Amino acid sequence: MLMKLKYLISLLALALVCAVGCTKDDNTIEQQRTSIERFLTSSHVPRLIDYKDIETSLDSEPQFYEKLSQDTYRYIATYYDEERLSKPEVVSGSTVELRLTAYIFDGGTPKTEDIYYTNDEEKLAEMQSDGLNPEFWSTEPLVLKLGSDKIIKGAEMSLYGCREGDVVEAFMTMDEAYGSNDVGIIPSKSPVMWSYTILSVK
């Protein structure tokens, strides 16, 4: 009887630990969503509105962000370009080439020291001038095959529906980025931003 009681207590304690851990993560994710949305609608240049508010906007070409899921947001800077709809679209199975700069997102305008990956020559030059050493980083386009290559969920989601030539910013909470894992220089539970140009779609 005593053993059974100890077993039940240990199970209860484990469940409590899990519940507390989940609650902390839920709170972190919610804070990250709020931080991303606040940045997009106030500090971002240009200032953006939610896609669902387009119909009430007085602008003929309102700049907007899309909420692709609870945890991934996308802004397409080239959305209104005249030739855009004639260009190849990214779908499942597409192979894309990207010029990419990826940042750890801290709630404000991304800075050079927030970069954890780039193949953009200008960004690499900025990093060097700031005293950082990206000598082993390549300037070759990042090649990804959608649906096959393993990339973080939010980044892949942000690519679908984009077109060749698009200039895109994607913001992800930890839940659709790297989760609770430490990955290289990326701390666990970090929200991230991918800023990329789609060089080609095949």
N, C-alpha and C. Protein backbone atom coordinates (compact mmCIF):
# COMPACT_ATOMS: atom_id res chain seq x y z
N MET A 1 0.83 -1.20 0.00
CA MET A 1 0.00 0.00 0.00
C MET A 1 0.87 1.27 0.00
N LEU A 2 1.94 1.21 0.86
CA LEU A 2 2.86 2.34 0.94
C LEU A 2 3.57 2.57 -0.39
N MET A 3 3.97 1.47 -1.05
CA MET A 3 4.63 1.57 -2.35
C MET A 3 3.71 2.19 -3.38
N LYS A 4 2.44 1.75 -3.34
CA LYS A 4 1.47 2.29 -4.31
C LYS A 4 1.28 3.79 -4.08
N LEU A 5 1.23 4.20 -2.79
CA LEU A 5 1.05 5.61 -2.47
C LEU A 5 2.24 6.43 -2.97
N LYS A 6 3.47 5.91 -2.75
CA LYS A 6 4.67 6.60 -3.23
C LYS A 6 4.67 6.72 -4.75
N TYR A 7 4.21 5.67 -5.42
CA TYR A 7 4.14 5.66 -6.89
C TYR A 7 3.17 6.73 -7.38
N LEU A 8 2.00 6.81 -6.72
CA LEU A 8 1.00 7.80 -7.12
C LEU A 8 1.51 9.22 -6.88
N ILE A 9 2.22 9.40 -5.76
CA ILE A 9 2.77 10.73 -5.46
C ILE A 9 3.82 11.13 -6.50
N SER A 10 4.67 10.16 -6.87
CA SER A 10 5.70 10.47 -7.88
C SER A 10 5.08 10.80 -9.22
N LEU A 11 4.01 10.08 -9.60
CA LEU A 11 3.32 10.39 -10.85
C LEU A 11 2.71 11.78 -10.81
N LEU A 12 2.11 12.11 -9.67
CA LEU A 12 1.50 13.43 -9.52
C LEU A 12 2.56 14.53 -9.62
N ALA A 13 3.71 14.29 -8.99
CA ALA A 13 4.80 15.26 -9.04
C ALA A 13 5.30 15.45 -10.47
N LEU A 14 5.42 14.34 -11.21
CA LEU A 14 5.86 14.40 -12.60
C LEU A 14 4.87 15.18 -13.45
N ALA A 15 3.58 14.92 -13.23
CA ALA A 15 2.54 15.62 -13.98
C ALA A 15 2.58 17.11 -13.67
N LEU A 16 2.85 17.44 -12.40
CA LEU A 16 2.92 18.84 -12.00
C LEU A 16 4.10 19.55 -12.67
N VAL A 17 5.25 18.87 -12.71
CA VAL A 17 6.43 19.43 -13.38
C VAL A 17 6.14 19.69 -14.85
N CYS A 18 5.50 18.69 -15.51
CA CYS A 18 5.15 18.84 -16.93
C CYS A 18 4.21 20.00 -17.14
N ALA A 19 3.21 20.12 -16.25
CA ALA A 19 2.23 21.19 -16.38
C ALA A 19 2.88 22.55 -16.22
N VAL A 20 3.77 22.68 -15.22
CA VAL A 20 4.47 23.94 -15.01
C VAL A 20 5.35 24.28 -16.21
N GLY A 21 6.07 23.25 -16.73
CA GLY A 21 6.93 23.47 -17.89
C GLY A 21 6.14 23.91 -19.10
N CYS A 22 5.01 23.24 -19.35
CA CYS A 22 4.17 23.61 -20.49
C CYS A 22 3.62 25.01 -20.34
N THR A 23 3.20 25.37 -19.10
CA THR A 23 2.66 26.69 -18.86
C THR A 23 3.71 27.76 -19.12
N LYS A 24 4.95 27.51 -18.67
CA LYS A 24 6.03 28.47 -18.91
C LYS A 24 6.28 28.65 -20.40
N ASP A 25 6.30 27.54 -21.14
CA ASP A 25 6.51 27.62 -22.59
C ASP A 25 5.36 28.36 -23.25
N ASP A 26 4.12 28.06 -22.82
CA ASP A 26 2.96 28.74 -23.38
C ASP A 26 3.05 30.24 -23.16
N ASN A 27 3.46 30.63 -21.96
CA ASN A 27 3.61 32.06 -21.65
C ASN A 27 4.70 32.69 -22.51
N THR A 28 5.81 31.96 -22.69
CA THR A 28 6.91 32.47 -23.51
C THR A 28 6.46 32.67 -24.95
N ILE A 29 5.76 31.68 -25.49
CA ILE A 29 5.28 31.77 -26.88
C ILE A 29 4.31 32.93 -27.04
N GLU A 30 3.40 33.09 -26.08
CA GLU A 30 2.44 34.18 -26.17
C GLU A 30 3.15 35.53 -26.11
N GLN A 31 4.16 35.65 -25.28
CA GLN A 31 4.94 36.89 -25.21
C GLN A 31 5.66 37.15 -26.53
N GLN A 32 6.16 36.10 -27.15
CA GLN A 32 6.84 36.25 -28.44
C GLN A 32 5.87 36.69 -29.53
N ARG A 33 4.67 36.13 -29.54
CA ARG A 33 3.65 36.56 -30.51
C ARG A 33 3.37 38.05 -30.35
N THR A 34 3.17 38.46 -29.10
CA THR A 34 2.87 39.86 -28.82
C THR A 34 4.02 40.76 -29.27
N SER A 35 5.25 40.33 -29.01
CA SER A 35 6.43 41.11 -29.38
C SER A 35 6.53 41.26 -30.89
N ILE A 36 6.30 40.17 -31.62
CA ILE A 36 6.37 40.22 -33.09
C ILE A 36 5.30 41.14 -33.65
N GLU A 37 4.07 40.99 -33.17
CA GLU A 37 2.97 41.80 -33.69
C GLU A 37 3.16 43.28 -33.36
N ARG A 38 3.68 43.55 -32.17
CA ARG A 38 3.94 44.95 -31.79
C ARG A 38 5.00 45.56 -32.70
N PHE A 39 6.04 44.80 -32.99
CA PHE A 39 7.09 45.30 -33.88
C PHE A 39 6.55 45.57 -35.28
N LEU A 40 5.79 44.63 -35.83
CA LEU A 40 5.28 44.77 -37.19
C LEU A 40 4.36 45.97 -37.34
N THR A 41 3.58 46.26 -36.31
CA THR A 41 2.57 47.32 -36.41
C THR A 41 3.04 48.67 -35.87
N SER A 42 4.25 48.73 -35.31
CA SER A 42 4.70 50.01 -34.76
C SER A 42 6.11 50.40 -35.21
N SER A 43 7.10 49.53 -34.98
CA SER A 43 8.49 49.89 -35.26
C SER A 43 8.96 49.52 -36.66
N HIS A 44 8.30 48.56 -37.28
CA HIS A 44 8.72 48.09 -38.60
C HIS A 44 8.63 49.20 -39.63
N VAL A 45 9.58 49.22 -40.56
CA VAL A 45 9.55 50.17 -41.67
C VAL A 45 9.42 49.39 -42.96
N PRO A 46 8.28 49.57 -43.70
CA PRO A 46 7.14 50.41 -43.35
C PRO A 46 6.29 49.79 -42.24
N ARG A 47 5.50 50.61 -41.60
CA ARG A 47 4.59 50.10 -40.59
C ARG A 47 3.52 49.25 -41.28
N LEU A 48 3.22 48.10 -40.70
CA LEU A 48 2.33 47.14 -41.36
C LEU A 48 1.00 47.02 -40.64
N ILE A 49 0.00 46.59 -41.41
CA ILE A 49 -1.29 46.24 -40.82
C ILE A 49 -1.53 44.75 -41.01
N ASP A 50 -2.43 44.21 -40.24
CA ASP A 50 -2.80 42.80 -40.38
C ASP A 50 -3.55 42.64 -41.71
N TYR A 51 -3.30 41.53 -42.39
CA TYR A 51 -3.95 41.26 -43.67
C TYR A 51 -5.47 41.38 -43.58
N LYS A 52 -6.03 40.96 -42.45
CA LYS A 52 -7.49 40.98 -42.32
C LYS A 52 -8.06 42.40 -42.26
N ASP A 53 -7.19 43.41 -42.08
CA ASP A 53 -7.64 44.80 -42.01
C ASP A 53 -7.48 45.55 -43.33
N ILE A 54 -7.08 44.85 -44.38
CA ILE A 54 -6.84 45.51 -45.67
C ILE A 54 -8.08 46.23 -46.18
N GLU A 55 -9.23 45.60 -46.07
CA GLU A 55 -10.45 46.17 -46.65
C GLU A 55 -10.82 47.51 -46.04
N THR A 56 -10.41 47.76 -44.82
CA THR A 56 -10.76 49.02 -44.16
C THR A 56 -9.65 50.07 -44.29
N SER A 57 -8.55 49.69 -44.96
CA SER A 57 -7.43 50.63 -45.12
C SER A 57 -7.76 51.69 -46.17
N LEU A 58 -7.27 52.90 -45.96
CA LEU A 58 -7.48 53.98 -46.92
C LEU A 58 -6.40 54.01 -48.00
N ASP A 59 -5.35 53.21 -47.82
CA ASP A 59 -4.27 53.16 -48.80
C ASP A 59 -4.66 52.29 -49.99
N SER A 60 -4.22 52.69 -51.17
CA SER A 60 -4.51 51.89 -52.37
C SER A 60 -3.68 50.61 -52.39
N GLU A 61 -2.50 50.66 -51.82
CA GLU A 61 -1.63 49.49 -51.73
C GLU A 61 -1.12 49.35 -50.29
N PRO A 62 -1.99 48.95 -49.39
CA PRO A 62 -1.59 48.88 -47.98
C PRO A 62 -0.49 47.84 -47.75
N GLN A 63 0.47 48.21 -46.96
CA GLN A 63 1.54 47.28 -46.59
C GLN A 63 1.05 46.43 -45.42
N PHE A 64 1.13 45.13 -45.57
CA PHE A 64 0.50 44.25 -44.58
C PHE A 64 1.38 43.04 -44.27
N TYR A 65 1.10 42.44 -43.14
CA TYR A 65 1.70 41.15 -42.80
C TYR A 65 0.60 40.09 -42.76
N GLU A 66 0.99 38.87 -43.04
CA GLU A 66 0.07 37.74 -42.95
C GLU A 66 0.44 36.88 -41.75
N LYS A 67 -0.56 36.41 -41.05
CA LYS A 67 -0.34 35.46 -39.97
C LYS A 67 -0.61 34.08 -40.56
N LEU A 68 0.44 33.36 -40.90
CA LEU A 68 0.31 32.08 -41.59
C LEU A 68 -0.13 30.96 -40.66
N SER A 69 0.14 31.15 -39.38
CA SER A 69 -0.27 30.21 -38.33
C SER A 69 -0.26 31.01 -37.04
N GLN A 70 -0.47 30.34 -35.93
CA GLN A 70 -0.39 31.03 -34.65
C GLN A 70 1.00 31.61 -34.40
N ASP A 71 2.01 31.03 -35.05
CA ASP A 71 3.38 31.35 -34.67
C ASP A 71 4.29 31.76 -35.81
N THR A 72 3.76 31.97 -37.01
CA THR A 72 4.58 32.40 -38.15
C THR A 72 3.91 33.58 -38.85
N TYR A 73 4.68 34.64 -39.06
CA TYR A 73 4.19 35.86 -39.70
C TYR A 73 5.05 36.15 -40.93
N ARG A 74 4.42 36.71 -41.97
CA ARG A 74 5.16 36.96 -43.21
C ARG A 74 4.81 38.33 -43.78
N TYR A 75 5.85 39.02 -44.25
CA TYR A 75 5.69 40.27 -44.99
C TYR A 75 6.40 40.12 -46.32
N ILE A 76 5.67 40.34 -47.42
CA ILE A 76 6.25 40.29 -48.76
C ILE A 76 6.38 41.72 -49.27
N ALA A 77 7.60 42.23 -49.30
CA ALA A 77 7.84 43.62 -49.68
C ALA A 77 7.51 43.89 -51.14
N THR A 78 7.57 42.84 -51.96
CA THR A 78 7.37 42.98 -53.41
C THR A 78 5.95 42.59 -53.83
N TYR A 79 5.04 42.52 -52.90
CA TYR A 79 3.70 42.01 -53.17
C TYR A 79 3.00 42.74 -54.31
N TYR A 80 3.20 44.04 -54.43
CA TYR A 80 2.48 44.83 -55.43
C TYR A 80 3.28 45.04 -56.73
N ASP A 81 4.42 44.41 -56.87
CA ASP A 81 5.20 44.56 -58.11
C ASP A 81 4.39 44.11 -59.32
N GLU A 82 4.46 44.87 -60.40
CA GLU A 82 3.61 44.63 -61.57
C GLU A 82 3.81 43.26 -62.19
N GLU A 83 5.04 42.81 -62.29
CA GLU A 83 5.33 41.54 -62.97
C GLU A 83 5.25 40.33 -62.04
N ARG A 84 4.92 40.55 -60.80
CA ARG A 84 5.04 39.48 -59.80
C ARG A 84 4.23 38.23 -60.15
N LEU A 85 3.00 38.39 -60.54
CA LEU A 85 2.12 37.24 -60.77
C LEU A 85 2.50 36.41 -61.99
N SER A 86 3.38 36.94 -62.82
CA SER A 86 3.83 36.18 -64.00
C SER A 86 5.05 35.30 -63.68
N LYS A 87 5.56 35.40 -62.47
CA LYS A 87 6.77 34.66 -62.10
C LYS A 87 6.42 33.34 -61.42
N PRO A 88 7.35 32.36 -61.45
CA PRO A 88 7.08 31.04 -60.87
C PRO A 88 6.75 31.13 -59.38
N GLU A 89 5.77 30.33 -58.97
CA GLU A 89 5.32 30.31 -57.57
C GLU A 89 5.95 29.13 -56.82
N VAL A 90 6.21 29.34 -55.56
CA VAL A 90 6.76 28.28 -54.71
C VAL A 90 5.62 27.36 -54.25
N VAL A 91 5.76 26.08 -54.58
CA VAL A 91 4.78 25.07 -54.17
C VAL A 91 5.56 23.89 -53.59
N SER A 92 4.84 22.91 -53.05
CA SER A 92 5.50 21.72 -52.53
C SER A 92 6.29 21.04 -53.65
N GLY A 93 7.53 20.73 -53.40
CA GLY A 93 8.39 20.12 -54.41
C GLY A 93 9.25 21.11 -55.15
N SER A 94 8.98 22.41 -54.99
CA SER A 94 9.81 23.43 -55.64
C SER A 94 11.22 23.42 -55.06
N THR A 95 12.18 23.73 -55.92
CA THR A 95 13.55 23.98 -55.45
C THR A 95 13.79 25.48 -55.55
N VAL A 96 14.16 26.08 -54.44
CA VAL A 96 14.35 27.53 -54.41
C VAL A 96 15.80 27.86 -54.07
N GLU A 97 16.26 28.98 -54.61
CA GLU A 97 17.56 29.53 -54.24
C GLU A 97 17.32 30.84 -53.50
N LEU A 98 17.94 30.97 -52.34
CA LEU A 98 17.70 32.13 -51.49
C LEU A 98 18.98 32.89 -51.18
N ARG A 99 18.85 34.20 -51.16
CA ARG A 99 19.84 35.03 -50.48
C ARG A 99 19.20 35.36 -49.13
N LEU A 100 19.83 34.91 -48.07
CA LEU A 100 19.17 34.88 -46.76
C LEU A 100 20.03 35.49 -45.67
N THR A 101 19.37 36.23 -44.80
CA THR A 101 19.97 36.62 -43.53
C THR A 101 19.00 36.21 -42.43
N ALA A 102 19.47 35.42 -41.48
CA ALA A 102 18.63 34.92 -40.39
C ALA A 102 19.09 35.55 -39.08
N TYR A 103 18.11 36.05 -38.32
CA TYR A 103 18.40 36.77 -37.08
C TYR A 103 17.72 36.09 -35.89
N ILE A 104 18.34 36.22 -34.73
CA ILE A 104 17.64 35.98 -33.47
C ILE A 104 16.84 37.25 -33.20
N PHE A 105 15.53 37.12 -33.06
CA PHE A 105 14.66 38.30 -32.96
C PHE A 105 14.48 38.70 -31.50
N ASP A 106 14.81 39.97 -31.19
CA ASP A 106 14.73 40.42 -29.80
C ASP A 106 13.62 41.43 -29.57
N GLY A 107 12.74 41.59 -30.56
CA GLY A 107 11.62 42.50 -30.40
C GLY A 107 11.81 43.86 -31.05
N GLY A 108 13.04 44.13 -31.50
CA GLY A 108 13.32 45.41 -32.15
C GLY A 108 13.86 45.21 -33.55
N THR A 109 14.28 46.31 -34.17
CA THR A 109 14.86 46.23 -35.50
C THR A 109 16.11 45.34 -35.46
N PRO A 110 16.17 44.31 -36.32
CA PRO A 110 17.31 43.38 -36.28
C PRO A 110 18.64 44.11 -36.49
N LYS A 111 19.64 43.68 -35.74
CA LYS A 111 20.97 44.29 -35.79
C LYS A 111 22.00 43.26 -36.26
N THR A 112 23.16 43.76 -36.66
CA THR A 112 24.21 42.87 -37.16
C THR A 112 24.56 41.78 -36.15
N GLU A 113 24.62 42.15 -34.87
CA GLU A 113 25.00 41.17 -33.85
C GLU A 113 23.93 40.10 -33.61
N ASP A 114 22.73 40.31 -34.17
CA ASP A 114 21.66 39.32 -34.04
C ASP A 114 21.72 38.25 -35.12
N ILE A 115 22.59 38.41 -36.11
CA ILE A 115 22.66 37.47 -37.23
C ILE A 115 23.26 36.14 -36.78
N TYR A 116 22.56 35.05 -37.14
CA TYR A 116 23.16 33.73 -36.88
C TYR A 116 23.49 32.99 -38.18
N TYR A 117 23.04 33.54 -39.31
CA TYR A 117 23.43 32.98 -40.62
C TYR A 117 23.17 34.03 -41.68
N THR A 118 24.07 34.12 -42.65
CA THR A 118 23.81 34.93 -43.84
C THR A 118 24.71 34.47 -44.98
N ASN A 119 24.19 34.62 -46.19
CA ASN A 119 25.03 34.44 -47.39
C ASN A 119 25.00 35.71 -48.24
N ASP A 120 24.58 36.80 -47.61
CA ASP A 120 24.48 38.11 -48.27
C ASP A 120 25.82 38.84 -48.12
N GLU A 121 26.43 39.18 -49.25
CA GLU A 121 27.75 39.82 -49.22
C GLU A 121 27.75 41.12 -48.42
N GLU A 122 26.70 41.92 -48.56
CA GLU A 122 26.64 43.18 -47.83
C GLU A 122 26.59 42.95 -46.32
N LYS A 123 25.81 41.96 -45.91
CA LYS A 123 25.71 41.67 -44.48
C LYS A 123 27.03 41.12 -43.94
N LEU A 124 27.69 40.28 -44.74
CA LEU A 124 28.99 39.76 -44.33
C LEU A 124 30.00 40.88 -44.15
N ALA A 125 29.95 41.86 -45.06
CA ALA A 125 30.86 43.01 -44.95
C ALA A 125 30.56 43.82 -43.69
N GLU A 126 29.26 43.98 -43.38
CA GLU A 126 28.87 44.69 -42.16
C GLU A 126 29.40 43.97 -40.92
N MET A 127 29.28 42.64 -40.93
CA MET A 127 29.75 41.85 -39.79
C MET A 127 31.25 42.02 -39.59
N GLN A 128 31.99 42.01 -40.70
CA GLN A 128 33.44 42.18 -40.60
C GLN A 128 33.81 43.56 -40.08
N SER A 129 33.08 44.58 -40.53
CA SER A 129 33.38 45.94 -40.07
C SER A 129 33.04 46.11 -38.59
N ASP A 130 32.12 45.26 -38.09
CA ASP A 130 31.77 45.29 -36.66
C ASP A 130 32.68 44.40 -35.82
N GLY A 131 33.68 43.81 -36.47
CA GLY A 131 34.64 42.99 -35.73
C GLY A 131 34.28 41.53 -35.62
N LEU A 132 33.20 41.11 -36.27
CA LEU A 132 32.81 39.70 -36.25
C LEU A 132 33.56 38.96 -37.35
N ASN A 133 33.66 37.65 -37.22
CA ASN A 133 34.47 36.88 -38.16
C ASN A 133 33.63 35.82 -38.88
N PRO A 134 33.07 36.18 -40.05
CA PRO A 134 32.26 35.22 -40.81
C PRO A 134 33.03 34.57 -41.95
N GLU A 135 34.36 34.39 -41.78
CA GLU A 135 35.20 33.97 -42.90
C GLU A 135 34.83 32.60 -43.46
N PHE A 136 34.19 31.76 -42.66
CA PHE A 136 33.84 30.43 -43.14
C PHE A 136 32.43 30.37 -43.75
N TRP A 137 31.75 31.52 -43.81
CA TRP A 137 30.40 31.56 -44.35
C TRP A 137 30.46 31.76 -45.86
N SER A 138 29.63 31.05 -46.58
CA SER A 138 29.62 31.11 -48.04
C SER A 138 28.65 32.18 -48.52
N THR A 139 28.96 32.74 -49.70
CA THR A 139 28.02 33.66 -50.34
C THR A 139 27.22 32.97 -51.43
N GLU A 140 27.38 31.65 -51.53
CA GLU A 140 26.58 30.89 -52.50
C GLU A 140 25.11 30.91 -52.08
N PRO A 141 24.18 30.94 -53.05
CA PRO A 141 22.76 30.89 -52.69
C PRO A 141 22.44 29.64 -51.86
N LEU A 142 21.52 29.79 -50.92
CA LEU A 142 21.04 28.64 -50.16
C LEU A 142 19.99 27.93 -51.01
N VAL A 143 20.20 26.65 -51.28
CA VAL A 143 19.30 25.88 -52.13
C VAL A 143 18.47 24.94 -51.26
N LEU A 144 17.14 25.04 -51.39
CA LEU A 144 16.23 24.22 -50.59
C LEU A 144 15.19 23.58 -51.49
N LYS A 145 14.89 22.32 -51.23
CA LYS A 145 13.80 21.64 -51.93
C LYS A 145 12.64 21.51 -50.95
N LEU A 146 11.56 22.18 -51.24
CA LEU A 146 10.42 22.21 -50.34
C LEU A 146 9.76 20.84 -50.24
N GLY A 147 9.51 20.43 -49.01
CA GLY A 147 8.89 19.13 -48.79
C GLY A 147 9.89 18.02 -48.60
N SER A 148 11.17 18.29 -48.88
CA SER A 148 12.21 17.26 -48.75
C SER A 148 13.29 17.67 -47.77
N ASP A 149 13.91 18.83 -48.00
CA ASP A 149 14.97 19.27 -47.10
C ASP A 149 14.39 19.64 -45.74
N LYS A 150 15.17 19.38 -44.70
CA LYS A 150 14.73 19.68 -43.35
C LYS A 150 15.06 21.13 -43.02
N ILE A 151 14.04 21.97 -43.00
CA ILE A 151 14.22 23.35 -42.55
C ILE A 151 13.16 23.62 -41.50
N ILE A 152 13.37 24.66 -40.72
CA ILE A 152 12.42 24.91 -39.64
C ILE A 152 11.03 25.19 -40.20
N LYS A 153 10.04 24.76 -39.44
CA LYS A 153 8.65 24.74 -39.91
C LYS A 153 8.18 26.10 -40.38
N GLY A 154 8.43 27.14 -39.58
CA GLY A 154 7.95 28.47 -39.94
C GLY A 154 8.58 29.00 -41.21
N ALA A 155 9.87 28.71 -41.41
CA ALA A 155 10.56 29.18 -42.61
C ALA A 155 9.98 28.52 -43.86
N GLU A 156 9.76 27.21 -43.78
CA GLU A 156 9.18 26.51 -44.93
C GLU A 156 7.78 27.04 -45.22
N MET A 157 6.99 27.22 -44.17
CA MET A 157 5.64 27.74 -44.33
C MET A 157 5.65 29.10 -45.02
N SER A 158 6.63 29.93 -44.68
CA SER A 158 6.68 31.29 -45.23
C SER A 158 6.99 31.30 -46.72
N LEU A 159 7.61 30.24 -47.22
CA LEU A 159 7.99 30.19 -48.63
C LEU A 159 6.82 29.87 -49.55
N TYR A 160 5.90 29.04 -49.08
CA TYR A 160 4.79 28.62 -49.94
C TYR A 160 3.94 29.83 -50.36
N GLY A 161 3.65 29.92 -51.65
CA GLY A 161 2.86 31.03 -52.16
C GLY A 161 3.68 32.23 -52.58
N CYS A 162 4.95 32.25 -52.20
CA CYS A 162 5.83 33.33 -52.68
C CYS A 162 6.23 33.05 -54.13
N ARG A 163 6.86 34.03 -54.74
CA ARG A 163 7.25 33.90 -56.15
C ARG A 163 8.71 34.31 -56.34
N GLU A 164 9.25 33.85 -57.45
CA GLU A 164 10.63 34.20 -57.79
C GLU A 164 10.78 35.72 -57.78
N GLY A 165 11.84 36.19 -57.16
CA GLY A 165 12.08 37.63 -57.06
C GLY A 165 11.52 38.28 -55.81
N ASP A 166 10.67 37.56 -55.08
CA ASP A 166 10.07 38.14 -53.88
C ASP A 166 11.13 38.45 -52.82
N VAL A 167 10.90 39.56 -52.14
CA VAL A 167 11.70 39.95 -50.97
C VAL A 167 10.80 39.77 -49.76
N VAL A 168 11.22 38.92 -48.84
CA VAL A 168 10.32 38.43 -47.80
C VAL A 168 10.97 38.55 -46.42
N GLU A 169 10.14 38.83 -45.43
CA GLU A 169 10.54 38.73 -44.03
C GLU A 169 9.59 37.77 -43.34
N ALA A 170 10.14 36.80 -42.64
CA ALA A 170 9.34 35.83 -41.90
C ALA A 170 9.75 35.86 -40.44
N PHE A 171 8.77 35.94 -39.57
CA PHE A 171 9.01 35.99 -38.12
C PHE A 171 8.36 34.76 -37.49
N MET A 172 9.11 34.08 -36.63
CA MET A 172 8.63 32.83 -36.03
C MET A 172 8.86 32.83 -34.53
N THR A 173 7.87 32.39 -33.77
CA THR A 173 8.11 32.14 -32.36
C THR A 173 8.94 30.87 -32.22
N MET A 174 9.38 30.59 -31.02
CA MET A 174 10.18 29.39 -30.77
C MET A 174 9.47 28.12 -31.24
N ASP A 175 8.13 28.14 -31.19
CA ASP A 175 7.36 26.92 -31.48
C ASP A 175 7.50 26.47 -32.92
N GLU A 176 7.75 27.41 -33.85
CA GLU A 176 7.92 27.04 -35.25
C GLU A 176 9.31 27.43 -35.76
N ALA A 177 10.23 27.57 -34.78
CA ALA A 177 11.65 27.78 -35.11
C ALA A 177 12.43 26.60 -34.55
N TYR A 178 13.21 26.83 -33.49
CA TYR A 178 14.09 25.77 -32.97
C TYR A 178 13.63 25.20 -31.63
N GLY A 179 12.45 25.64 -31.16
CA GLY A 179 11.89 25.08 -29.94
C GLY A 179 12.76 25.33 -28.72
N SER A 180 12.84 24.32 -27.87
CA SER A 180 13.58 24.44 -26.61
C SER A 180 15.05 24.03 -26.74
N ASN A 181 15.49 23.82 -27.97
CA ASN A 181 16.86 23.34 -28.19
C ASN A 181 17.84 24.49 -28.38
N ASP A 182 19.05 24.32 -27.84
CA ASP A 182 20.17 25.21 -28.20
C ASP A 182 20.72 24.72 -29.53
N VAL A 183 20.76 25.59 -30.52
CA VAL A 183 21.28 25.20 -31.83
C VAL A 183 22.39 26.18 -32.21
N GLY A 184 23.64 25.70 -32.15
CA GLY A 184 24.76 26.59 -32.44
C GLY A 184 24.76 27.78 -31.51
N ILE A 185 24.75 28.99 -32.09
CA ILE A 185 24.75 30.21 -31.27
C ILE A 185 23.34 30.68 -30.93
N ILE A 186 22.33 29.90 -31.32
CA ILE A 186 20.94 30.29 -31.06
C ILE A 186 20.52 29.76 -29.70
N PRO A 187 20.20 30.64 -28.75
CA PRO A 187 19.75 30.16 -27.44
C PRO A 187 18.42 29.42 -27.55
N SER A 188 18.16 28.54 -26.60
CA SER A 188 16.89 27.81 -26.60
C SER A 188 15.73 28.80 -26.46
N LYS A 189 14.62 28.42 -27.04
CA LYS A 189 13.36 29.18 -26.94
C LYS A 189 13.43 30.55 -27.61
N SER A 190 14.29 30.67 -28.63
CA SER A 190 14.44 31.97 -29.31
C SER A 190 13.44 32.13 -30.45
N PRO A 191 12.79 33.31 -30.55
CA PRO A 191 12.08 33.64 -31.78
C PRO A 191 13.11 34.07 -32.82
N VAL A 192 12.81 33.87 -34.08
CA VAL A 192 13.77 34.22 -35.13
C VAL A 192 13.08 34.96 -36.27
N MET A 193 13.91 35.62 -37.06
CA MET A 193 13.45 36.31 -38.27
C MET A 193 14.32 35.86 -39.43
N TRP A 194 13.69 35.50 -40.54
CA TRP A 194 14.40 35.23 -41.79
C TRP A 194 14.08 36.35 -42.77
N SER A 195 15.10 36.99 -43.28
CA SER A 195 14.95 38.02 -44.31
C SER A 195 15.60 37.48 -45.58
N TYR A 196 14.80 37.27 -46.62
CA TYR A 196 15.36 36.61 -47.80
C TYR A 196 14.80 37.14 -49.11
N THR A 197 15.60 36.95 -50.15
CA THR A 197 15.17 37.20 -51.53
C THR A 197 15.17 35.87 -52.26
N ILE A 198 14.09 35.57 -52.96
CA ILE A 198 14.00 34.32 -53.71
C ILE A 198 14.62 34.54 -55.08
N LEU A 199 15.81 34.00 -55.26
CA LEU A 199 16.57 34.23 -56.49
C LEU A 199 16.05 33.40 -57.65
N SER A 200 15.57 32.19 -57.36
CA SER A 200 15.00 31.35 -58.42
C SER A 200 14.05 30.33 -57.82
N VAL A 201 13.10 29.90 -58.65
CA VAL A 201 12.14 28.84 -58.28
C VAL A 201 12.09 27.86 -59.43
N LYS A 202 12.33 26.58 -59.13
CA LYS A 202 12.29 25.55 -60.17
C LYS A 202 11.40 24.41 -59.73
